[in-house]
Amino acid sequence: MHCGLVFILFMGILLVVKAFKNELTLVSSADKCGDNIRISTANYLTSPGYPLAYPPSQRCVWVISAPGPHQRILINFNPHFDLEDRECKYDYVEVRDGVDESGQLVGKYCGKIAPSPVVSSGNQLFIKFVSDYETHGAGFSIRYEIFKTEYNTPGGRISYWLAAFLCLDWKAEEEAEEDSTYLETGRQSSLIPTTQRNPKQIT
């Protein structure tokens, strides 16, 4: 009985340690200064130390990729956003379409107001965080995921093609109705003169 109790306690301690280790791994992964991320599920990235003050002299680069070539990426900033606000010259987070600094600039952000959600134009986003040697804030947290549109789902594609087919079918019916109206009107106009053409005078 005593041995069984010891075994149960030992297994319980192992489970707690494993859970704590996994939690630390998730935090350290989100807290990394830069990474190449291929999205499998929605997740987070943060400035180092978030939500505490970020360290000085940082330059962190994340490249986020969606698995499909025609998929897009949605990122949302946590409302608790705090970067030194001096015209974004010294501390800032920058978002670009693509994989490097040659990509189209989406936005360069600083201050205490969280940016609006961003949707990539392609399947990759470039995010860069820079801090100088003084005046630090809490930083930022970003949730990233694959941008879901109705068309990107199998049902959405079916709906799209079905709508296109119905639209074409409706147009064909409309044109047929117009032709029928035209023919009917033409038939009537051709009959009208025959009833009114030089009626015979009754003498």
C-alpha atoms as a PDB file:
ATOM      1  CA  MET A   1       0.000   0.000   0.000  1.00  0.00           C
ATOM      2  CA  HIS A   2       2.836   2.360   0.973  1.00  0.00           C
ATOM      3  CA  CYS A   3       4.736   1.622  -2.277  1.00  0.00           C
ATOM      4  CA  GLY A   4       1.631   2.266  -4.350  1.00  0.00           C
ATOM      5  CA  LEU A   5       1.130   5.684  -2.730  1.00  0.00           C
ATOM      6  CA  VAL A   6       4.771   6.617  -3.362  1.00  0.00           C
ATOM      7  CA  PHE A   7       4.430   5.574  -6.993  1.00  0.00           C
ATOM      8  CA  ILE A   8       1.284   7.698  -7.464  1.00  0.00           C
ATOM      9  CA  LEU A   9       2.981  10.731  -5.874  1.00  0.00           C
ATOM     10  CA  PHE A  10       6.038  10.228  -8.075  1.00  0.00           C
ATOM     11  CA  MET A  11       3.953  10.049 -11.249  1.00  0.00           C
ATOM     12  CA  GLY A  12       2.035  13.171 -10.205  1.00  0.00           C
ATOM     13  CA  ILE A  13       5.289  15.098  -9.736  1.00  0.00           C
ATOM     14  CA  LEU A  14       6.502  13.940 -13.162  1.00  0.00           C
ATOM     15  CA  LEU A  15       3.297  15.184 -14.825  1.00  0.00           C
ATOM     16  CA  VAL A  16       3.580  18.590 -13.122  1.00  0.00           C
ATOM     17  CA  VAL A  17       7.222  18.956 -14.157  1.00  0.00           C
ATOM     18  CA  LYS A  18       6.401  17.960 -17.754  1.00  0.00           C
ATOM     19  CA  ALA A  19       3.542  20.460 -17.948  1.00  0.00           C
ATOM     20  CA  PHE A  20       5.745  23.221 -16.512  1.00  0.00           C
ATOM     21  CA  LYS A  21       8.511  22.377 -19.005  1.00  0.00           C
ATOM     22  CA  ASN A  22       6.040  22.516 -21.928  1.00  0.00           C
ATOM     23  CA  GLU A  23       4.757  25.892 -20.726  1.00  0.00           C
ATOM     24  CA  LEU A  24       8.314  27.233 -20.561  1.00  0.00           C
ATOM     25  CA  THR A  25       8.979  25.926 -24.080  1.00  0.00           C
ATOM     26  CA  LEU A  26       5.885  27.704 -25.453  1.00  0.00           C
ATOM     27  CA  VAL A  27       6.819  30.960 -23.727  1.00  0.00           C
ATOM     28  CA  SER A  28      10.431  30.848 -24.882  1.00  0.00           C
ATOM     29  CA  SER A  29       9.321  30.000 -28.430  1.00  0.00           C
ATOM     30  CA  ALA A  30       6.964  32.999 -28.593  1.00  0.00           C
ATOM     31  CA  ASP A  31       9.592  35.156 -26.868  1.00  0.00           C
ATOM     32  CA  LYS A  32      12.369  34.438 -29.391  1.00  0.00           C
ATOM     33  CA  CYS A  33      14.057  37.370 -31.089  1.00  0.00           C
ATOM     34  CA  GLY A  34      13.189  36.380 -34.654  1.00  0.00           C
ATOM     35  CA  ASP A  35      12.286  33.094 -36.296  1.00  0.00           C
ATOM     36  CA  ASN A  36      11.155  31.421 -39.511  1.00  0.00           C
ATOM     37  CA  ILE A  37       7.580  30.354 -38.868  1.00  0.00           C
ATOM     38  CA  ARG A  38       5.515  28.011 -41.026  1.00  0.00           C
ATOM     39  CA  ILE A  39       1.913  28.201 -39.866  1.00  0.00           C
ATOM     40  CA  SER A  40       0.243  24.947 -38.866  1.00  0.00           C
ATOM     41  CA  THR A  41      -2.131  26.413 -36.273  1.00  0.00           C
ATOM     42  CA  ALA A  42      -2.798  29.900 -34.943  1.00  0.00           C
ATOM     43  CA  ASN A  43      -0.035  31.035 -32.581  1.00  0.00           C
ATOM     44  CA  TYR A  44       1.764  34.034 -31.134  1.00  0.00           C
ATOM     45  CA  LEU A  45       5.047  35.874 -31.421  1.00  0.00           C
ATOM     46  CA  THR A  46       6.165  38.629 -29.073  1.00  0.00           C
ATOM     47  CA  SER A  47       8.931  41.137 -28.607  1.00  0.00           C
ATOM     48  CA  PRO A  48      11.577  39.794 -26.196  1.00  0.00           C
ATOM     49  CA  GLY A  49      10.478  40.070 -22.570  1.00  0.00           C
ATOM     50  CA  TYR A  50       6.836  40.918 -23.331  1.00  0.00           C
ATOM     51  CA  PRO A  51       4.824  42.090 -21.406  1.00  0.00           C
ATOM     52  CA  LEU A  52       7.792  43.385 -19.406  1.00  0.00           C
ATOM     53  CA  ALA A  53      10.235  45.888 -20.877  1.00  0.00           C
ATOM     54  CA  TYR A  54      12.079  44.697 -23.982  1.00  0.00           C
ATOM     55  CA  PRO A  55      15.894  44.739 -23.909  1.00  0.00           C
ATOM     56  CA  PRO A  56      17.944  47.494 -25.575  1.00  0.00           C
ATOM     57  CA  SER A  57      19.670  47.213 -28.951  1.00  0.00           C
ATOM     58  CA  GLN A  58      17.419  44.545 -30.430  1.00  0.00           C
ATOM     59  CA  ARG A  59      16.957  43.657 -34.094  1.00  0.00           C
ATOM     60  CA  CYS A  60      14.554  40.736 -34.464  1.00  0.00           C
ATOM     61  CA  VAL A  61      13.215  39.404 -37.772  1.00  0.00           C
ATOM     62  CA  TRP A  62      10.342  36.956 -38.219  1.00  0.00           C
ATOM     63  CA  VAL A  63       9.311  35.497 -41.560  1.00  0.00           C
ATOM     64  CA  ILE A  64       5.856  33.906 -41.413  1.00  0.00           C
ATOM     65  CA  SER A  65       4.785  31.548 -44.199  1.00  0.00           C
ATOM     66  CA  ALA A  66       1.430  29.968 -44.969  1.00  0.00           C
ATOM     67  CA  PRO A  67       1.683  26.372 -46.244  1.00  0.00           C
ATOM     68  CA  GLY A  68      -0.324  26.930 -49.440  1.00  0.00           C
ATOM     69  CA  PRO A  69       0.905  29.194 -52.280  1.00  0.00           C
ATOM     70  CA  HIS A  70      -2.505  30.883 -52.588  1.00  0.00           C
ATOM     71  CA  GLN A  71      -3.150  31.264 -48.869  1.00  0.00           C
ATOM     72  CA  ARG A  72      -2.843  34.569 -47.023  1.00  0.00           C
ATOM     73  CA  ILE A  73      -1.850  35.449 -43.461  1.00  0.00           C
ATOM     74  CA  LEU A  74      -3.807  37.392 -40.860  1.00  0.00           C
ATOM     75  CA  ILE A  75      -2.000  39.055 -37.928  1.00  0.00           C
ATOM     76  CA  ASN A  76      -3.634  40.788 -34.956  1.00  0.00           C
ATOM     77  CA  PHE A  77      -1.767  42.953 -32.432  1.00  0.00           C
ATOM     78  CA  ASN A  78      -2.622  42.624 -28.756  1.00  0.00           C
ATOM     79  CA  PRO A  79      -4.156  45.896 -27.458  1.00  0.00           C
ATOM     80  CA  HIS A  80      -1.347  46.060 -24.866  1.00  0.00           C
ATOM     81  CA  PHE A  81       1.095  47.666 -27.301  1.00  0.00           C
ATOM     82  CA  ASP A  82       3.941  49.867 -26.062  1.00  0.00           C
ATOM     83  CA  LEU A  83       6.938  51.010 -28.112  1.00  0.00           C
ATOM     84  CA  GLU A  84       8.899  54.220 -27.726  1.00  0.00           C
ATOM     85  CA  ASP A  85       7.037  56.917 -29.652  1.00  0.00           C
ATOM     86  CA  ARG A  86       9.501  59.247 -31.365  1.00  0.00           C
ATOM     87  CA  GLU A  87       8.235  59.135 -34.958  1.00  0.00           C
ATOM     88  CA  CYS A  88       9.225  55.436 -35.087  1.00  0.00           C
ATOM     89  CA  LYS A  89      12.889  56.368 -35.589  1.00  0.00           C
ATOM     90  CA  TYR A  90      14.380  54.364 -32.739  1.00  0.00           C
ATOM     91  CA  ASP A  91      11.983  51.657 -31.529  1.00  0.00           C
ATOM     92  CA  TYR A  92       9.446  50.208 -33.945  1.00  0.00           C
ATOM     93  CA  VAL A  93       7.896  47.091 -35.448  1.00  0.00           C
ATOM     94  CA  GLU A  94       7.715  46.930 -39.229  1.00  0.00           C
ATOM     95  CA  VAL A  95       5.498  44.674 -41.356  1.00  0.00           C
ATOM     96  CA  ARG A  96       6.156  43.922 -45.037  1.00  0.00           C
ATOM     97  CA  ASP A  97       4.720  41.609 -47.648  1.00  0.00           C
ATOM     98  CA  GLY A  98       7.232  38.943 -48.668  1.00  0.00           C
ATOM     99  CA  VAL A  99      10.350  37.488 -47.048  1.00  0.00           C
ATOM    100  CA  ASP A 100      12.752  40.416 -46.654  1.00  0.00           C
ATOM    101  CA  GLU A 101      13.133  44.186 -46.504  1.00  0.00           C
ATOM    102  CA  SER A 102      12.635  44.549 -50.248  1.00  0.00           C
ATOM    103  CA  GLY A 103       8.949  43.635 -49.856  1.00  0.00           C
ATOM    104  CA  GLN A 104       6.101  46.143 -49.979  1.00  0.00           C
ATOM    105  CA  LEU A 105       5.840  48.045 -46.690  1.00  0.00           C
ATOM    106  CA  VAL A 106       2.512  47.413 -44.970  1.00  0.00           C
ATOM    107  CA  GLY A 107       3.216  49.558 -41.923  1.00  0.00           C
ATOM    108  CA  LYS A 108       5.808  50.828 -39.438  1.00  0.00           C
ATOM    109  CA  TYR A 109       4.389  51.082 -35.915  1.00  0.00           C
ATOM    110  CA  CYS A 110       5.308  52.571 -32.527  1.00  0.00           C
ATOM    111  CA  GLY A 111       3.631  54.356 -29.624  1.00  0.00           C
ATOM    112  CA  LYS A 112       0.872  52.990 -27.394  1.00  0.00           C
ATOM    113  CA  ILE A 113      -1.955  52.370 -29.881  1.00  0.00           C
ATOM    114  CA  ALA A 114      -2.094  48.850 -31.297  1.00  0.00           C
ATOM    115  CA  PRO A 115      -2.118  48.703 -35.105  1.00  0.00           C
ATOM    116  CA  SER A 116      -5.137  47.433 -37.012  1.00  0.00           C
ATOM    117  CA  PRO A 117      -5.197  43.808 -38.207  1.00  0.00           C
ATOM    118  CA  VAL A 118      -3.048  43.081 -41.249  1.00  0.00           C
ATOM    119  CA  VAL A 119      -3.747  40.609 -44.072  1.00  0.00           C
ATOM    120  CA  SER A 120      -0.876  39.701 -46.373  1.00  0.00           C
ATOM    121  CA  SER A 121      -1.241  39.957 -50.141  1.00  0.00           C
ATOM    122  CA  GLY A 122       0.678  36.700 -50.609  1.00  0.00           C
ATOM    123  CA  ASN A 123       1.548  33.698 -48.486  1.00  0.00           C
ATOM    124  CA  GLN A 124       4.451  35.304 -46.576  1.00  0.00           C
ATOM    125  CA  LEU A 125       4.941  38.196 -44.146  1.00  0.00           C
ATOM    126  CA  PHE A 126       8.158  39.844 -42.958  1.00  0.00           C
ATOM    127  CA  ILE A 127       8.136  41.369 -39.453  1.00  0.00           C
ATOM    128  CA  LYS A 128      11.066  43.326 -38.010  1.00  0.00           C
ATOM    129  CA  PHE A 129      11.425  44.711 -34.490  1.00  0.00           C
ATOM    130  CA  VAL A 130      14.124  47.279 -33.663  1.00  0.00           C
ATOM    131  CA  SER A 131      14.988  48.928 -30.337  1.00  0.00           C
ATOM    132  CA  ASP A 132      17.738  51.415 -29.533  1.00  0.00           C
ATOM    133  CA  TYR A 133      19.923  51.602 -26.420  1.00  0.00           C
ATOM    134  CA  GLU A 134      17.469  53.556 -24.211  1.00  0.00           C
ATOM    135  CA  THR A 135      13.793  54.291 -23.403  1.00  0.00           C
ATOM    136  CA  HIS A 136      12.059  50.913 -23.514  1.00  0.00           C
ATOM    137  CA  GLY A 137       8.398  49.913 -23.371  1.00  0.00           C
ATOM    138  CA  ALA A 138       6.442  46.702 -22.830  1.00  0.00           C
ATOM    139  CA  GLY A 139       6.638  45.748 -26.518  1.00  0.00           C
ATOM    140  CA  PHE A 140       4.021  43.848 -28.481  1.00  0.00           C
ATOM    141  CA  SER A 141       2.329  40.511 -29.007  1.00  0.00           C
ATOM    142  CA  ILE A 142       1.071  39.309 -32.396  1.00  0.00           C
ATOM    143  CA  ARG A 143      -1.358  36.484 -33.090  1.00  0.00           C
ATOM    144  CA  TYR A 144      -0.833  34.981 -36.535  1.00  0.00           C
ATOM    145  CA  GLU A 145      -3.012  32.558 -38.470  1.00  0.00           C
ATOM    146  CA  ILE A 146      -4.088  31.622 -41.980  1.00  0.00           C
ATOM    147  CA  PHE A 147      -6.596  34.153 -43.283  1.00  0.00           C
ATOM    148  CA  LYS A 148      -9.825  32.242 -43.859  1.00  0.00           C
ATOM    149  CA  THR A 149     -12.074  33.302 -46.700  1.00  0.00           C
ATOM    150  CA  GLU A 150     -15.193  31.522 -47.934  1.00  0.00           C
ATOM    151  CA  TYR A 151     -13.511  30.901 -51.277  1.00  0.00           C
ATOM    152  CA  ASN A 152     -10.511  29.185 -49.620  1.00  0.00           C
ATOM    153  CA  THR A 153     -12.734  26.413 -48.234  1.00  0.00           C
ATOM    154  CA  PRO A 154     -13.994  23.509 -50.376  1.00  0.00           C
ATOM    155  CA  GLY A 155     -17.561  24.651 -49.736  1.00  0.00           C
ATOM    156  CA  GLY A 156     -16.590  28.171 -50.719  1.00  0.00           C
ATOM    157  CA  ARG A 157     -15.199  27.025 -54.052  1.00  0.00           C
ATOM    158  CA  ILE A 158     -18.392  25.065 -54.740  1.00  0.00           C
ATOM    159  CA  SER A 159     -20.468  28.123 -53.802  1.00  0.00           C
ATOM    160  CA  TYR A 160     -18.384  30.288 -56.104  1.00  0.00           C
ATOM    161  CA  TRP A 161     -18.788  28.033 -59.132  1.00  0.00           C
ATOM    162  CA  LEU A 162     -22.456  27.414 -58.369  1.00  0.00           C
ATOM    163  CA  ALA A 163     -23.055  31.163 -58.142  1.00  0.00           C
ATOM    164  CA  ALA A 164     -21.194  31.691 -61.403  1.00  0.00           C
ATOM    165  CA  PHE A 165     -23.274  28.969 -63.108  1.00  0.00           C
ATOM    166  CA  LEU A 166     -26.554  30.350 -61.775  1.00  0.00           C
ATOM    167  CA  CYS A 167     -25.544  33.840 -62.852  1.00  0.00           C
ATOM    168  CA  LEU A 168     -24.825  32.650 -66.393  1.00  0.00           C
ATOM    169  CA  ASP A 169     -28.044  30.635 -66.425  1.00  0.00           C
ATOM    170  CA  TRP A 170     -30.008  33.658 -65.180  1.00  0.00           C
ATOM    171  CA  LYS A 171     -28.442  35.862 -67.856  1.00  0.00           C
ATOM    172  CA  ALA A 172     -29.348  33.326 -70.537  1.00  0.00           C
ATOM    173  CA  GLU A 173     -32.948  33.249 -69.299  1.00  0.00           C
ATOM    174  CA  GLU A 174     -33.066  37.054 -69.224  1.00  0.00           C
ATOM    175  CA  GLU A 175     -31.757  37.293 -72.779  1.00  0.00           C
ATOM    176  CA  ALA A 176     -34.276  34.658 -73.912  1.00  0.00           C
ATOM    177  CA  GLU A 177     -37.077  36.654 -72.313  1.00  0.00           C
ATOM    178  CA  GLU A 178     -35.868  39.812 -74.048  1.00  0.00           C
ATOM    179  CA  ASP A 179     -35.783  37.989 -77.410  1.00  0.00           C
ATOM    180  CA  SER A 180     -39.288  36.624 -76.791  1.00  0.00           C
ATOM    181  CA  THR A 181     -40.607  40.084 -75.933  1.00  0.00           C
ATOM    182  CA  TYR A 182     -38.938  41.520 -79.003  1.00  0.00           C
ATOM    183  CA  LEU A 183     -40.418  38.847 -81.266  1.00  0.00           C
ATOM    184  CA  GLU A 184     -43.866  39.268 -79.736  1.00  0.00           C
ATOM    185  CA  THR A 185     -43.688  43.056 -80.122  1.00  0.00           C
ATOM    186  CA  GLY A 186     -42.454  42.657 -83.689  1.00  0.00           C
ATOM    187  CA  ARG A 187     -45.309  40.309 -84.479  1.00  0.00           C
ATOM    188  CA  GLN A 188     -47.815  42.748 -83.083  1.00  0.00           C
ATOM    189  CA  SER A 189     -46.327  45.695 -84.980  1.00  0.00           C
ATOM    190  CA  SER A 190     -46.433  43.715 -88.206  1.00  0.00           C
ATOM    191  CA  LEU A 191     -50.108  42.922 -87.631  1.00  0.00           C
ATOM    192  CA  ILE A 192     -51.220  46.409 -86.718  1.00  0.00           C
ATOM    193  CA  PRO A 193     -50.723  47.979 -90.174  1.00  0.00           C
ATOM    194  CA  THR A 194     -52.636  45.158 -91.902  1.00  0.00           C
ATOM    195  CA  THR A 195     -55.791  45.955 -89.929  1.00  0.00           C
ATOM    196  CA  GLN A 196     -55.462  49.676 -90.564  1.00  0.00           C
ATOM    197  CA  ARG A 197     -54.180  49.635 -94.176  1.00  0.00           C
ATOM    198  CA  ASN A 198     -56.593  51.446 -96.610  1.00  0.00           C
ATOM    199  CA  PRO A 199     -59.887  50.094 -95.318  1.00  0.00           C
ATOM    200  CA  LYS A 200     -62.471  49.597 -98.078  1.00  0.00           C
ATOM    201  CA  GLN A 201     -65.123  52.271 -98.271  1.00  0.00           C
ATOM    202  CA  ILE A 202     -68.616  50.873 -98.064  1.00  0.00           C
ATOM    203  CA  THR A 203     -70.637  52.287-100.838  1.00  0.00           C
END
